[in-house]
Amino acid sequence: MLEITYKNGSSLSKISYNSVEDFIANQRLETPDLEDYYEITSVTIDGKELQLSDSTILGLYKQLTA
């Protein structure tokens, strides 16, 4: 399971995906769940914290597809 906590304006939001592949597929849609510029505060994959080199949704996408 992939869980992302991110800033949407001044509020924090959280979204979960069943897998990394589900997140990647969703971000490839014409209208994805998350905007590329949203700032991520934390990401976990199967309960383990992921360290990000770029803390945006686009940065996460690039890291997971590299």
PDB file of N, CA and C in Angstrom:
ATOM      1  N   MET A   1       0.840  -1.174   0.000  1.00  0.00           N
ATOM      2  CA  MET A   1       0.000   0.000   0.000  1.00  0.00           C
ATOM      3  C   MET A   1       0.888   1.242   0.000  1.00  0.00           C
ATOM      4  N   LEU A   2       0.500   2.221  -0.781  1.00  0.00           N
ATOM      5  CA  LEU A   2       1.196   3.501  -0.870  1.00  0.00           C
ATOM      6  C   LEU A   2       0.322   4.560  -0.217  1.00  0.00           C
ATOM      7  N   GLU A   3       0.858   5.253   0.772  1.00  0.00           N
ATOM      8  CA  GLU A   3       0.122   6.329   1.449  1.00  0.00           C
ATOM      9  C   GLU A   3       0.903   7.618   1.318  1.00  0.00           C
ATOM     10  N   ILE A   4       0.212   8.663   0.886  1.00  0.00           N
ATOM     11  CA  ILE A   4       0.834   9.965   0.657  1.00  0.00           C
ATOM     12  C   ILE A   4       0.112  11.004   1.499  1.00  0.00           C
ATOM     13  N   THR A   5       0.869  11.756   2.285  1.00  0.00           N
ATOM     14  CA  THR A   5       0.336  12.913   2.999  1.00  0.00           C
ATOM     15  C   THR A   5       0.931  14.136   2.312  1.00  0.00           C
ATOM     16  N   TYR A   6       0.065  15.066   1.934  1.00  0.00           N
ATOM     17  CA  TYR A   6       0.519  16.204   1.135  1.00  0.00           C
ATOM     18  C   TYR A   6      -0.227  17.477   1.534  1.00  0.00           C
ATOM     19  N   LYS A   7       0.348  18.608   1.133  1.00  0.00           N
ATOM     20  CA  LYS A   7      -0.271  19.903   1.384  1.00  0.00           C
ATOM     21  C   LYS A   7      -1.074  20.302   0.160  1.00  0.00           C
ATOM     22  N   ASN A   8      -2.331  20.647   0.424  1.00  0.00           N
ATOM     23  CA  ASN A   8      -3.230  21.144  -0.610  1.00  0.00           C
ATOM     24  C   ASN A   8      -3.635  22.545  -0.167  1.00  0.00           C
ATOM     25  N   GLY A   9      -2.883  23.539  -0.618  1.00  0.00           N
ATOM     26  CA  GLY A   9      -3.089  24.887  -0.111  1.00  0.00           C
ATOM     27  C   GLY A   9      -2.552  24.961   1.304  1.00  0.00           C
ATOM     28  N   SER A  10      -3.387  25.339   2.243  1.00  0.00           N
ATOM     29  CA  SER A  10      -2.944  25.450   3.636  1.00  0.00           C
ATOM     30  C   SER A  10      -3.336  24.239   4.481  1.00  0.00           C
ATOM     31  N   SER A  11      -3.994  23.255   3.876  1.00  0.00           N
ATOM     32  CA  SER A  11      -4.420  22.082   4.647  1.00  0.00           C
ATOM     33  C   SER A  11      -3.638  20.834   4.244  1.00  0.00           C
ATOM     34  N   LEU A  12      -3.579  19.884   5.173  1.00  0.00           N
ATOM     35  CA  LEU A  12      -2.945  18.596   4.906  1.00  0.00           C
ATOM     36  C   LEU A  12      -4.012  17.600   4.477  1.00  0.00           C
ATOM     37  N   SER A  13      -3.687  16.806   3.487  1.00  0.00           N
ATOM     38  CA  SER A  13      -4.586  15.762   3.013  1.00  0.00           C
ATOM     39  C   SER A  13      -3.815  14.463   2.925  1.00  0.00           C
ATOM     40  N   LYS A  14      -4.543  13.351   2.913  1.00  0.00           N
ATOM     41  CA  LYS A  14      -3.921  12.037   2.826  1.00  0.00           C
ATOM     42  C   LYS A  14      -4.680  11.210   1.798  1.00  0.00           C
ATOM     43  N   ILE A  15      -3.927  10.445   0.998  1.00  0.00           N
ATOM     44  CA  ILE A  15      -4.531   9.576   0.002  1.00  0.00           C
ATOM     45  C   ILE A  15      -3.768   8.254   0.006  1.00  0.00           C
ATOM     46  N   SER A  16      -4.484   7.181  -0.256  1.00  0.00           N
ATOM     47  CA  SER A  16      -3.874   5.844  -0.278  1.00  0.00           C
ATOM     48  C   SER A  16      -4.160   5.171  -1.613  1.00  0.00           C
ATOM     49  N   TYR A  17      -3.198   4.377  -2.046  1.00  0.00           N
ATOM     50  CA  TYR A  17      -3.339   3.549  -3.241  1.00  0.00           C
ATOM     51  C   TYR A  17      -3.000   2.120  -2.852  1.00  0.00           C
ATOM     52  N   ASN A  18      -3.628   1.152  -3.491  1.00  0.00           N
ATOM     53  CA  ASN A  18      -3.366  -0.252  -3.185  1.00  0.00           C
ATOM     54  C   ASN A  18      -1.937  -0.653  -3.527  1.00  0.00           C
ATOM     55  N   SER A  19      -1.348   0.027  -4.513  1.00  0.00           N
ATOM     56  CA  SER A  19       0.010  -0.306  -4.919  1.00  0.00           C
ATOM     57  C   SER A  19       0.677   0.901  -5.566  1.00  0.00           C
ATOM     58  N   VAL A  20       1.990   0.821  -5.720  1.00  0.00           N
ATOM     59  CA  VAL A  20       2.740   1.852  -6.432  1.00  0.00           C
ATOM     60  C   VAL A  20       2.232   1.939  -7.868  1.00  0.00           C
ATOM     61  N   GLU A  21       1.947   0.794  -8.476  1.00  0.00           N
ATOM     62  CA  GLU A  21       1.462   0.745  -9.855  1.00  0.00           C
ATOM     63  C   GLU A  21       0.134   1.489 -10.016  1.00  0.00           C
ATOM     64  N   ASP A  22      -0.745   1.399  -9.009  1.00  0.00           N
ATOM     65  CA  ASP A  22      -2.019   2.126  -9.058  1.00  0.00           C
ATOM     66  C   ASP A  22      -1.781   3.636  -9.054  1.00  0.00           C
ATOM     67  N   PHE A  23      -0.841   4.096  -8.226  1.00  0.00           N
ATOM     68  CA  PHE A  23      -0.503   5.525  -8.189  1.00  0.00           C
ATOM     69  C   PHE A  23       0.026   5.973  -9.548  1.00  0.00           C
ATOM     70  N   ILE A  24       0.964   5.219 -10.109  1.00  0.00           N
ATOM     71  CA  ILE A  24       1.564   5.582 -11.390  1.00  0.00           C
ATOM     72  C   ILE A  24       0.501   5.631 -12.486  1.00  0.00           C
ATOM     73  N   ALA A  25      -0.357   4.629 -12.536  1.00  0.00           N
ATOM     74  CA  ALA A  25      -1.428   4.593 -13.537  1.00  0.00           C
ATOM     75  C   ALA A  25      -2.360   5.789 -13.382  1.00  0.00           C
ATOM     76  N   ASN A  26      -2.690   6.144 -12.153  1.00  0.00           N
ATOM     77  CA  ASN A  26      -3.579   7.279 -11.913  1.00  0.00           C
ATOM     78  C   ASN A  26      -2.942   8.585 -12.357  1.00  0.00           C
ATOM     79  N   GLN A  27      -1.648   8.757 -12.114  1.00  0.00           N
ATOM     80  CA  GLN A  27      -0.974   9.998 -12.488  1.00  0.00           C
ATOM     81  C   GLN A  27      -0.861  10.140 -14.002  1.00  0.00           C
ATOM     82  N   ARG A  28      -1.014   9.048 -14.736  1.00  0.00           N
ATOM     83  CA  ARG A  28      -0.951   9.097 -16.197  1.00  0.00           C
ATOM     84  C   ARG A  28      -2.294   9.450 -16.826  1.00  0.00           C
ATOM     85  N   LEU A  29      -3.351   9.504 -16.018  1.00  0.00           N
ATOM     86  CA  LEU A  29      -4.673   9.853 -16.531  1.00  0.00           C
ATOM     87  C   LEU A  29      -4.718  11.321 -16.956  1.00  0.00           C
ATOM     88  N   GLU A  30      -5.676  11.641 -17.816  1.00  0.00           N
ATOM     89  CA  GLU A  30      -5.841  13.031 -18.246  1.00  0.00           C
ATOM     90  C   GLU A  30      -6.117  13.941 -17.046  1.00  0.00           C
ATOM     91  N   THR A  31      -6.904  13.438 -16.091  1.00  0.00           N
ATOM     92  CA  THR A  31      -7.182  14.191 -14.865  1.00  0.00           C
ATOM     93  C   THR A  31      -6.823  13.303 -13.676  1.00  0.00           C
ATOM     94  N   PRO A  32      -5.566  13.378 -13.211  1.00  0.00           N
ATOM     95  CA  PRO A  32      -5.140  12.536 -12.086  1.00  0.00           C
ATOM     96  C   PRO A  32      -5.725  13.026 -10.761  1.00  0.00           C
ATOM     97  N   ASP A  33      -5.637  12.162  -9.733  1.00  0.00           N
ATOM     98  CA  ASP A  33      -6.118  12.537  -8.390  1.00  0.00           C
ATOM     99  C   ASP A  33      -5.345  13.724  -7.825  1.00  0.00           C
ATOM    100  N   LEU A  34      -4.034  13.773  -8.107  1.00  0.00           N
ATOM    101  CA  LEU A  34      -3.145  14.744  -7.462  1.00  0.00           C
ATOM    102  C   LEU A  34      -2.450  15.625  -8.492  1.00  0.00           C
ATOM    103  N   GLU A  35      -2.347  16.904  -8.169  1.00  0.00           N
ATOM    104  CA  GLU A  35      -1.619  17.843  -9.027  1.00  0.00           C
ATOM    105  C   GLU A  35      -0.117  17.646  -8.842  1.00  0.00           C
ATOM    106  N   ASP A  36       0.644  17.802  -9.914  1.00  0.00           N
ATOM    107  CA  ASP A  36       2.095  17.598  -9.882  1.00  0.00           C
ATOM    108  C   ASP A  36       2.812  18.466  -8.851  1.00  0.00           C
ATOM    109  N   TYR A  37       2.303  19.657  -8.609  1.00  0.00           N
ATOM    110  CA  TYR A  37       3.000  20.611  -7.746  1.00  0.00           C
ATOM    111  C   TYR A  37       2.693  20.454  -6.251  1.00  0.00           C
ATOM    112  N   TYR A  38       1.761  19.590  -5.866  1.00  0.00           N
ATOM    113  CA  TYR A  38       1.452  19.414  -4.437  1.00  0.00           C
ATOM    114  C   TYR A  38       2.723  19.016  -3.686  1.00  0.00           C
ATOM    115  N   GLU A  39       2.921  19.625  -2.528  1.00  0.00           N
ATOM    116  CA  GLU A  39       4.086  19.333  -1.695  1.00  0.00           C
ATOM    117  C   GLU A  39       3.790  18.152  -0.772  1.00  0.00           C
ATOM    118  N   ILE A  40       4.652  17.162  -0.804  1.00  0.00           N
ATOM    119  CA  ILE A  40       4.475  15.960   0.011  1.00  0.00           C
ATOM    120  C   ILE A  40       5.151  16.148   1.364  1.00  0.00           C
ATOM    121  N   THR A  41       4.440  15.776   2.425  1.00  0.00           N
ATOM    122  CA  THR A  41       5.035  15.818   3.764  1.00  0.00           C
ATOM    123  C   THR A  41       5.530  14.441   4.188  1.00  0.00           C
ATOM    124  N   SER A  42       4.886  13.363   3.699  1.00  0.00           N
ATOM    125  CA  SER A  42       5.382  12.009   3.974  1.00  0.00           C
ATOM    126  C   SER A  42       4.795  11.012   2.983  1.00  0.00           C
ATOM    127  N   VAL A  43       5.579   9.957   2.733  1.00  0.00           N
ATOM    128  CA  VAL A  43       5.157   8.862   1.858  1.00  0.00           C
ATOM    129  C   VAL A  43       5.581   7.564   2.513  1.00  0.00           C
ATOM    130  N   THR A  44       4.670   6.597   2.560  1.00  0.00           N
ATOM    131  CA  THR A  44       5.035   5.271   3.045  1.00  0.00           C
ATOM    132  C   THR A  44       4.605   4.229   2.020  1.00  0.00           C
ATOM    133  N   ILE A  45       5.443   3.215   1.874  1.00  0.00           N
ATOM    134  CA  ILE A  45       5.130   2.068   1.032  1.00  0.00           C
ATOM    135  C   ILE A  45       5.165   0.854   1.951  1.00  0.00           C
ATOM    136  N   ASP A  46       4.014   0.223   2.102  1.00  0.00           N
ATOM    137  CA  ASP A  46       3.869  -0.921   3.011  1.00  0.00           C
ATOM    138  C   ASP A  46       4.383  -0.591   4.412  1.00  0.00           C
ATOM    139  N   GLY A  47       4.075   0.620   4.887  1.00  0.00           N
ATOM    140  CA  GLY A  47       4.421   1.041   6.237  1.00  0.00           C
ATOM    141  C   GLY A  47       5.830   1.569   6.416  1.00  0.00           C
ATOM    142  N   LYS A  48       6.648   1.545   5.352  1.00  0.00           N
ATOM    143  CA  LYS A  48       8.025   2.031   5.453  1.00  0.00           C
ATOM    144  C   LYS A  48       8.144   3.399   4.801  1.00  0.00           C
ATOM    145  N   GLU A  49       8.734   4.351   5.531  1.00  0.00           N
ATOM    146  CA  GLU A  49       8.907   5.720   5.046  1.00  0.00           C
ATOM    147  C   GLU A  49       9.834   5.743   3.829  1.00  0.00           C
ATOM    148  N   LEU A  50       9.442   6.491   2.817  1.00  0.00           N
ATOM    149  CA  LEU A  50      10.246   6.649   1.611  1.00  0.00           C
ATOM    150  C   LEU A  50      10.914   8.015   1.650  1.00  0.00           C
ATOM    151  N   GLN A  51      12.222   8.057   1.428  1.00  0.00           N
ATOM    152  CA  GLN A  51      12.954   9.321   1.371  1.00  0.00           C
ATOM    153  C   GLN A  51      12.856   9.866  -0.051  1.00  0.00           C
ATOM    154  N   LEU A  52      12.468  11.131  -0.161  1.00  0.00           N
ATOM    155  CA  LEU A  52      12.281  11.757  -1.466  1.00  0.00           C
ATOM    156  C   LEU A  52      13.412  12.729  -1.782  1.00  0.00           C
ATOM    157  N   SER A  53      13.836  12.738  -3.024  1.00  0.00           N
ATOM    158  CA  SER A  53      14.822  13.727  -3.459  1.00  0.00           C
ATOM    159  C   SER A  53      14.115  15.013  -3.906  1.00  0.00           C
ATOM    160  N   ASP A  54      12.847  14.900  -4.304  1.00  0.00           N
ATOM    161  CA  ASP A  54      12.011  16.037  -4.698  1.00  0.00           C
ATOM    162  C   ASP A  54      10.655  15.812  -4.039  1.00  0.00           C
ATOM    163  N   SER A  55      10.279  16.659  -3.108  1.00  0.00           N
ATOM    164  CA  SER A  55       9.066  16.415  -2.312  1.00  0.00           C
ATOM    165  C   SER A  55       7.794  16.985  -2.947  1.00  0.00           C
ATOM    166  N   THR A  56       7.631  16.733  -4.245  1.00  0.00           N
ATOM    167  CA  THR A  56       6.381  17.064  -4.927  1.00  0.00           C
ATOM    168  C   THR A  56       5.793  15.777  -5.499  1.00  0.00           C
ATOM    169  N   ILE A  57       4.542  15.839  -5.908  1.00  0.00           N
ATOM    170  CA  ILE A  57       3.913  14.672  -6.524  1.00  0.00           C
ATOM    171  C   ILE A  57       4.681  14.282  -7.787  1.00  0.00           C
ATOM    172  N   LEU A  58       5.090  15.253  -8.578  1.00  0.00           N
ATOM    173  CA  LEU A  58       5.861  14.954  -9.784  1.00  0.00           C
ATOM    174  C   LEU A  58       7.197  14.298  -9.421  1.00  0.00           C
ATOM    175  N   GLY A  59       7.846  14.781  -8.377  1.00  0.00           N
ATOM    176  CA  GLY A  59       9.095  14.186  -7.930  1.00  0.00           C
ATOM    177  C   GLY A  59       8.915  12.741  -7.491  1.00  0.00           C
ATOM    178  N   LEU A  60       7.828  12.458  -6.764  1.00  0.00           N
ATOM    179  CA  LEU A  60       7.524  11.095  -6.353  1.00  0.00           C
ATOM    180  C   LEU A  60       7.291  10.214  -7.567  1.00  0.00           C
ATOM    181  N   TYR A  61       6.508  10.714  -8.514  1.00  0.00           N
ATOM    182  CA  TYR A  61       6.225   9.959  -9.738  1.00  0.00           C
ATOM    183  C   TYR A  61       7.524   9.606 -10.462  1.00  0.00           C
ATOM    184  N   LYS A  62       8.396  10.591 -10.627  1.00  0.00           N
ATOM    185  CA  LYS A  62       9.669  10.367 -11.321  1.00  0.00           C
ATOM    186  C   LYS A  62      10.535   9.354 -10.556  1.00  0.00           C
ATOM    187  N   GLN A  63      10.563   9.458  -9.231  1.00  0.00           N
ATOM    188  CA  GLN A  63      11.359   8.534  -8.431  1.00  0.00           C
ATOM    189  C   GLN A  63      10.847   7.104  -8.555  1.00  0.00           C
ATOM    190  N   LEU A  64       9.536   6.935  -8.584  1.00  0.00           N
ATOM    191  CA  LEU A  64       8.959   5.598  -8.640  1.00  0.00           C
ATOM    192  C   LEU A  64       9.014   4.976 -10.039  1.00  0.00           C
ATOM    193  N   THR A  65       9.176   5.817 -11.061  1.00  0.00           N
ATOM    194  CA  THR A  65       9.222   5.296 -12.435  1.00  0.00           C
ATOM    195  C   THR A  65      10.643   5.236 -12.979  1.00  0.00           C
ATOM    196  N   ALA A  66      11.614   5.623 -12.186  1.00  0.00           N
ATOM    197  CA  ALA A  66      13.024   5.630 -12.662  1.00  0.00           C
ATOM    198  C   ALA A  66      13.578   4.221 -12.757  1.00  0.00           C
TER     199      ALA A  66
END
